[in-house]
Amino acid sequence: MKIKLDEHLASLRVVTWLRLAGHDVVTVREQNLTSTLDEELIEICTSEGRCLITNDRGEIV
């Protein structure tokens, strides 16, 4: 699975565990997308074919 981890979940432990499980994982930090608006992150993930995993409880309109 292609996954992007939001900045709140991108600990080395989580990234390593997911990669060892065979997932294609990138983080918001690795792509210099820290503090990017949720709506924009969703568009980026869609264009990359990635599932965004976040702990952000912000409202998406």
PDB file of N, CA and C in Angstrom:
ATOM      1  N   MET A   1       0.842  -1.168   0.000  1.00  0.00           N
ATOM      2  CA  MET A   1       0.000   0.000   0.000  1.00  0.00           C
ATOM      3  C   MET A   1       0.892   1.237   0.000  1.00  0.00           C
ATOM      4  N   LYS A   2       0.472   2.248  -0.738  1.00  0.00           N
ATOM      5  CA  LYS A   2       1.199   3.522  -0.759  1.00  0.00           C
ATOM      6  C   LYS A   2       0.596   4.432   0.313  1.00  0.00           C
ATOM      7  N   ILE A   3       1.432   4.858   1.245  1.00  0.00           N
ATOM      8  CA  ILE A   3       0.982   5.603   2.422  1.00  0.00           C
ATOM      9  C   ILE A   3       1.787   6.883   2.574  1.00  0.00           C
ATOM     10  N   LYS A   4       1.100   7.943   3.004  1.00  0.00           N
ATOM     11  CA  LYS A   4       1.780   9.168   3.443  1.00  0.00           C
ATOM     12  C   LYS A   4       1.384   9.376   4.899  1.00  0.00           C
ATOM     13  N   LEU A   5       2.383   9.543   5.762  1.00  0.00           N
ATOM     14  CA  LEU A   5       2.129   9.793   7.179  1.00  0.00           C
ATOM     15  C   LEU A   5       2.199  11.277   7.464  1.00  0.00           C
ATOM     16  N   ASP A   6       1.178  11.780   8.130  1.00  0.00           N
ATOM     17  CA  ASP A   6       1.155  13.177   8.525  1.00  0.00           C
ATOM     18  C   ASP A   6       2.212  13.403   9.603  1.00  0.00           C
ATOM     19  N   GLU A   7       2.536  14.648   9.833  1.00  0.00           N
ATOM     20  CA  GLU A   7       3.640  14.989  10.727  1.00  0.00           C
ATOM     21  C   GLU A   7       3.486  14.473  12.152  1.00  0.00           C
ATOM     22  N   HIS A   8       2.270  14.275  12.623  1.00  0.00           N
ATOM     23  CA  HIS A   8       2.046  13.822  13.997  1.00  0.00           C
ATOM     24  C   HIS A   8       2.308  12.328  14.171  1.00  0.00           C
ATOM     25  N   LEU A   9       2.353  11.577  13.072  1.00  0.00           N
ATOM     26  CA  LEU A   9       2.504  10.122  13.151  1.00  0.00           C
ATOM     27  C   LEU A   9       3.812   9.619  12.560  1.00  0.00           C
ATOM     28  N   ALA A  10       4.671  10.508  12.148  1.00  0.00           N
ATOM     29  CA  ALA A  10       5.849  10.116  11.386  1.00  0.00           C
ATOM     30  C   ALA A  10       7.069   9.808  12.251  1.00  0.00           C
ATOM     31  N   SER A  11       6.858   9.079  13.340  1.00  0.00           N
ATOM     32  CA  SER A  11       8.021   8.700  14.149  1.00  0.00           C
ATOM     33  C   SER A  11       8.810   7.634  13.397  1.00  0.00           C
ATOM     34  N   LEU A  12      10.093   7.560  13.678  1.00  0.00           N
ATOM     35  CA  LEU A  12      10.954   6.579  13.019  1.00  0.00           C
ATOM     36  C   LEU A  12      10.438   5.168  13.249  1.00  0.00           C
ATOM     37  N   ARG A  13       9.906   4.901  14.409  1.00  0.00           N
ATOM     38  CA  ARG A  13       9.385   3.566  14.736  1.00  0.00           C
ATOM     39  C   ARG A  13       8.212   3.195  13.832  1.00  0.00           C
ATOM     40  N   VAL A  14       7.270   4.109  13.653  1.00  0.00           N
ATOM     41  CA  VAL A  14       6.097   3.843  12.822  1.00  0.00           C
ATOM     42  C   VAL A  14       6.499   3.679  11.360  1.00  0.00           C
ATOM     43  N   VAL A  15       7.335   4.580  10.869  1.00  0.00           N
ATOM     44  CA  VAL A  15       7.793   4.515   9.476  1.00  0.00           C
ATOM     45  C   VAL A  15       8.520   3.197   9.224  1.00  0.00           C
ATOM     46  N   THR A  16       9.438   2.832  10.103  1.00  0.00           N
ATOM     47  CA  THR A  16      10.196   1.595   9.944  1.00  0.00           C
ATOM     48  C   THR A  16       9.282   0.381   9.969  1.00  0.00           C
ATOM     49  N   TRP A  17       8.359   0.339  10.893  1.00  0.00           N
ATOM     50  CA  TRP A  17       7.437  -0.795  11.017  1.00  0.00           C
ATOM     51  C   TRP A  17       6.614  -0.965   9.745  1.00  0.00           C
ATOM     52  N   LEU A  18       6.081   0.131   9.223  1.00  0.00           N
ATOM     53  CA  LEU A  18       5.281   0.053   8.003  1.00  0.00           C
ATOM     54  C   LEU A  18       6.126  -0.358   6.797  1.00  0.00           C
ATOM     55  N   ARG A  19       7.337   0.154   6.699  1.00  0.00           N
ATOM     56  CA  ARG A  19       8.215  -0.219   5.578  1.00  0.00           C
ATOM     57  C   ARG A  19       8.620  -1.687   5.660  1.00  0.00           C
ATOM     58  N   LEU A  20       8.914  -2.167   6.858  1.00  0.00           N
ATOM     59  CA  LEU A  20       9.249  -3.579   7.028  1.00  0.00           C
ATOM     60  C   LEU A  20       8.072  -4.484   6.682  1.00  0.00           C
ATOM     61  N   ALA A  21       6.862  -3.964   6.840  1.00  0.00           N
ATOM     62  CA  ALA A  21       5.655  -4.721   6.491  1.00  0.00           C
ATOM     63  C   ALA A  21       5.395  -4.688   4.981  1.00  0.00           C
ATOM     64  N   GLY A  22       6.264  -3.989   4.233  1.00  0.00           N
ATOM     65  CA  GLY A  22       6.164  -3.987   2.787  1.00  0.00           C
ATOM     66  C   GLY A  22       5.437  -2.809   2.170  1.00  0.00           C
ATOM     67  N   HIS A  23       5.112  -1.813   2.972  1.00  0.00           N
ATOM     68  CA  HIS A  23       4.401  -0.649   2.457  1.00  0.00           C
ATOM     69  C   HIS A  23       5.364   0.401   1.904  1.00  0.00           C
ATOM     70  N   ASP A  24       4.892   1.141   0.913  1.00  0.00           N
ATOM     71  CA  ASP A  24       5.625   2.263   0.319  1.00  0.00           C
ATOM     72  C   ASP A  24       5.229   3.495   1.129  1.00  0.00           C
ATOM     73  N   VAL A  25       6.094   3.914   2.045  1.00  0.00           N
ATOM     74  CA  VAL A  25       5.751   4.971   2.998  1.00  0.00           C
ATOM     75  C   VAL A  25       6.612   6.207   2.778  1.00  0.00           C
ATOM     76  N   VAL A  26       5.969   7.357   2.714  1.00  0.00           N
ATOM     77  CA  VAL A  26       6.646   8.652   2.747  1.00  0.00           C
ATOM     78  C   VAL A  26       5.989   9.474   3.844  1.00  0.00           C
ATOM     79  N   THR A  27       6.710  10.459   4.315  1.00  0.00           N
ATOM     80  CA  THR A  27       6.152  11.308   5.362  1.00  0.00           C
ATOM     81  C   THR A  27       6.031  12.740   4.860  1.00  0.00           C
ATOM     82  N   VAL A  28       5.165  13.468   5.507  1.00  0.00           N
ATOM     83  CA  VAL A  28       4.985  14.882   5.198  1.00  0.00           C
ATOM     84  C   VAL A  28       6.312  15.607   5.390  1.00  0.00           C
ATOM     85  N   ARG A  29       7.043  15.259   6.446  1.00  0.00           N
ATOM     86  CA  ARG A  29       8.344  15.887   6.711  1.00  0.00           C
ATOM     87  C   ARG A  29       9.349  15.604   5.603  1.00  0.00           C
ATOM     88  N   GLU A  30       9.416  14.355   5.154  1.00  0.00           N
ATOM     89  CA  GLU A  30      10.363  13.985   4.104  1.00  0.00           C
ATOM     90  C   GLU A  30      10.126  14.774   2.820  1.00  0.00           C
ATOM     91  N   GLN A  31       8.886  15.135   2.566  1.00  0.00           N
ATOM     92  CA  GLN A  31       8.537  15.850   1.341  1.00  0.00           C
ATOM     93  C   GLN A  31       8.410  17.355   1.561  1.00  0.00           C
ATOM     94  N   ASN A  32       8.885  17.835   2.713  1.00  0.00           N
ATOM     95  CA  ASN A  32       8.823  19.268   3.041  1.00  0.00           C
ATOM     96  C   ASN A  32       7.415  19.835   2.931  1.00  0.00           C
ATOM     97  N   LEU A  33       6.441  19.070   3.443  1.00  0.00           N
ATOM     98  CA  LEU A  33       5.041  19.497   3.405  1.00  0.00           C
ATOM     99  C   LEU A  33       4.494  19.805   4.801  1.00  0.00           C
ATOM    100  N   THR A  34       5.389  19.984   5.768  1.00  0.00           N
ATOM    101  CA  THR A  34       4.963  20.303   7.131  1.00  0.00           C
ATOM    102  C   THR A  34       4.115  21.572   7.129  1.00  0.00           C
ATOM    103  N   SER A  35       3.026  21.549   7.854  1.00  0.00           N
ATOM    104  CA  SER A  35       2.072  22.662   7.990  1.00  0.00           C
ATOM    105  C   SER A  35       1.258  22.924   6.723  1.00  0.00           C
ATOM    106  N   THR A  36       1.265  21.986   5.780  1.00  0.00           N
ATOM    107  CA  THR A  36       0.428  22.115   4.592  1.00  0.00           C
ATOM    108  C   THR A  36      -1.025  21.930   5.003  1.00  0.00           C
ATOM    109  N   LEU A  37      -1.916  22.701   4.422  1.00  0.00           N
ATOM    110  CA  LEU A  37      -3.343  22.585   4.729  1.00  0.00           C
ATOM    111  C   LEU A  37      -3.850  21.183   4.389  1.00  0.00           C
ATOM    112  N   ASP A  38      -4.787  20.691   5.192  1.00  0.00           N
ATOM    113  CA  ASP A  38      -5.332  19.348   4.996  1.00  0.00           C
ATOM    114  C   ASP A  38      -5.882  19.150   3.589  1.00  0.00           C
ATOM    115  N   GLU A  39      -6.584  20.135   3.090  1.00  0.00           N
ATOM    116  CA  GLU A  39      -7.186  20.027   1.752  1.00  0.00           C
ATOM    117  C   GLU A  39      -6.113  19.821   0.684  1.00  0.00           C
ATOM    118  N   GLU A  40      -4.999  20.548   0.821  1.00  0.00           N
ATOM    119  CA  GLU A  40      -3.906  20.425  -0.132  1.00  0.00           C
ATOM    120  C   GLU A  40      -3.215  19.063  -0.002  1.00  0.00           C
ATOM    121  N   LEU A  41      -3.043  18.586   1.238  1.00  0.00           N
ATOM    122  CA  LEU A  41      -2.442  17.275   1.450  1.00  0.00           C
ATOM    123  C   LEU A  41      -3.285  16.175   0.810  1.00  0.00           C
ATOM    124  N   ILE A  42      -4.583  16.295   0.934  1.00  0.00           N
ATOM    125  CA  ILE A  42      -5.479  15.307   0.329  1.00  0.00           C
ATOM    126  C   ILE A  42      -5.326  15.316  -1.188  1.00  0.00           C
ATOM    127  N   GLU A  43      -5.229  16.489  -1.775  1.00  0.00           N
ATOM    128  CA  GLU A  43      -5.026  16.580  -3.231  1.00  0.00           C
ATOM    129  C   GLU A  43      -3.695  15.949  -3.641  1.00  0.00           C
ATOM    130  N   ILE A  44      -2.647  16.203  -2.866  1.00  0.00           N
ATOM    131  CA  ILE A  44      -1.331  15.635  -3.159  1.00  0.00           C
ATOM    132  C   ILE A  44      -1.378  14.113  -3.056  1.00  0.00           C
ATOM    133  N   CYS A  45      -1.998  13.612  -1.997  1.00  0.00           N
ATOM    134  CA  CYS A  45      -2.110  12.163  -1.817  1.00  0.00           C
ATOM    135  C   CYS A  45      -2.901  11.526  -2.952  1.00  0.00           C
ATOM    136  N   THR A  46      -3.954  12.181  -3.372  1.00  0.00           N
ATOM    137  CA  THR A  46      -4.754  11.668  -4.478  1.00  0.00           C
ATOM    138  C   THR A  46      -3.922  11.581  -5.746  1.00  0.00           C
ATOM    139  N   SER A  47      -3.152  12.623  -6.028  1.00  0.00           N
ATOM    140  CA  SER A  47      -2.330  12.620  -7.244  1.00  0.00           C
ATOM    141  C   SER A  47      -1.208  11.582  -7.172  1.00  0.00           C
ATOM    142  N   GLU A  48      -0.751  11.257  -5.963  1.00  0.00           N
ATOM    143  CA  GLU A  48       0.304  10.260  -5.773  1.00  0.00           C
ATOM    144  C   GLU A  48      -0.249   8.847  -5.622  1.00  0.00           C
ATOM    145  N   GLY A  49      -1.562   8.732  -5.465  1.00  0.00           N
ATOM    146  CA  GLY A  49      -2.170   7.427  -5.232  1.00  0.00           C
ATOM    147  C   GLY A  49      -1.870   6.890  -3.844  1.00  0.00           C
ATOM    148  N   ARG A  50      -1.745   7.798  -2.870  1.00  0.00           N
ATOM    149  CA  ARG A  50      -1.412   7.411  -1.498  1.00  0.00           C
ATOM    150  C   ARG A  50      -2.592   7.607  -0.554  1.00  0.00           C
ATOM    151  N   CYS A  51      -2.584   6.804   0.476  1.00  0.00           N
ATOM    152  CA  CYS A  51      -3.539   6.933   1.572  1.00  0.00           C
ATOM    153  C   CYS A  51      -2.884   7.820   2.635  1.00  0.00           C
ATOM    154  N   LEU A  52      -3.579   8.869   3.052  1.00  0.00           N
ATOM    155  CA  LEU A  52      -3.054   9.750   4.099  1.00  0.00           C
ATOM    156  C   LEU A  52      -3.482   9.215   5.456  1.00  0.00           C
ATOM    157  N   ILE A  53      -2.496   8.998   6.314  1.00  0.00           N
ATOM    158  CA  ILE A  53      -2.789   8.597   7.695  1.00  0.00           C
ATOM    159  C   ILE A  53      -2.433   9.770   8.584  1.00  0.00           C
ATOM    160  N   THR A  54      -3.429  10.231   9.322  1.00  0.00           N
ATOM    161  CA  THR A  54      -3.245  11.413  10.155  1.00  0.00           C
ATOM    162  C   THR A  54      -3.956  11.229  11.476  1.00  0.00           C
ATOM    163  N   ASN A  55      -3.519  11.996  12.450  1.00  0.00           N
ATOM    164  CA  ASN A  55      -4.187  12.030  13.752  1.00  0.00           C
ATOM    165  C   ASN A  55      -4.851  13.390  13.920  1.00  0.00           C
ATOM    166  N   ASP A  56      -4.818  14.177  12.866  1.00  0.00           N
ATOM    167  CA  ASP A  56      -5.396  15.523  12.870  1.00  0.00           C
ATOM    168  C   ASP A  56      -6.909  15.411  12.966  1.00  0.00           C
ATOM    169  N   ARG A  57      -7.497  16.123  13.879  1.00  0.00           N
ATOM    170  CA  ARG A  57      -8.940  16.081  14.054  1.00  0.00           C
ATOM    171  C   ARG A  57      -9.613  17.306  13.463  1.00  0.00           C
ATOM    172  N   GLY A  58      -8.863  18.028  12.630  1.00  0.00           N
ATOM    173  CA  GLY A  58      -9.419  19.218  11.977  1.00  0.00           C
ATOM    174  C   GLY A  58     -10.561  18.838  11.040  1.00  0.00           C
ATOM    175  N   GLU A  59     -11.424  19.786  10.818  1.00  0.00           N
ATOM    176  CA  GLU A  59     -12.567  19.554   9.950  1.00  0.00           C
ATOM    177  C   GLU A  59     -12.186  19.836   8.505  1.00  0.00           C
ATOM    178  N   ILE A  60     -12.494  18.898   7.631  1.00  0.00           N
ATOM    179  CA  ILE A  60     -12.260  19.074   6.202  1.00  0.00           C
ATOM    180  C   ILE A  60     -13.584  19.382   5.550  1.00  0.00           C
ATOM    181  N   VAL A  61     -13.602  20.482   4.831  1.00  0.00           N
ATOM    182  CA  VAL A  61     -14.852  20.903   4.185  1.00  0.00           C
ATOM    183  C   VAL A  61     -14.821  20.491   2.735  1.00  0.00           C
TER     184      VAL A  61
END
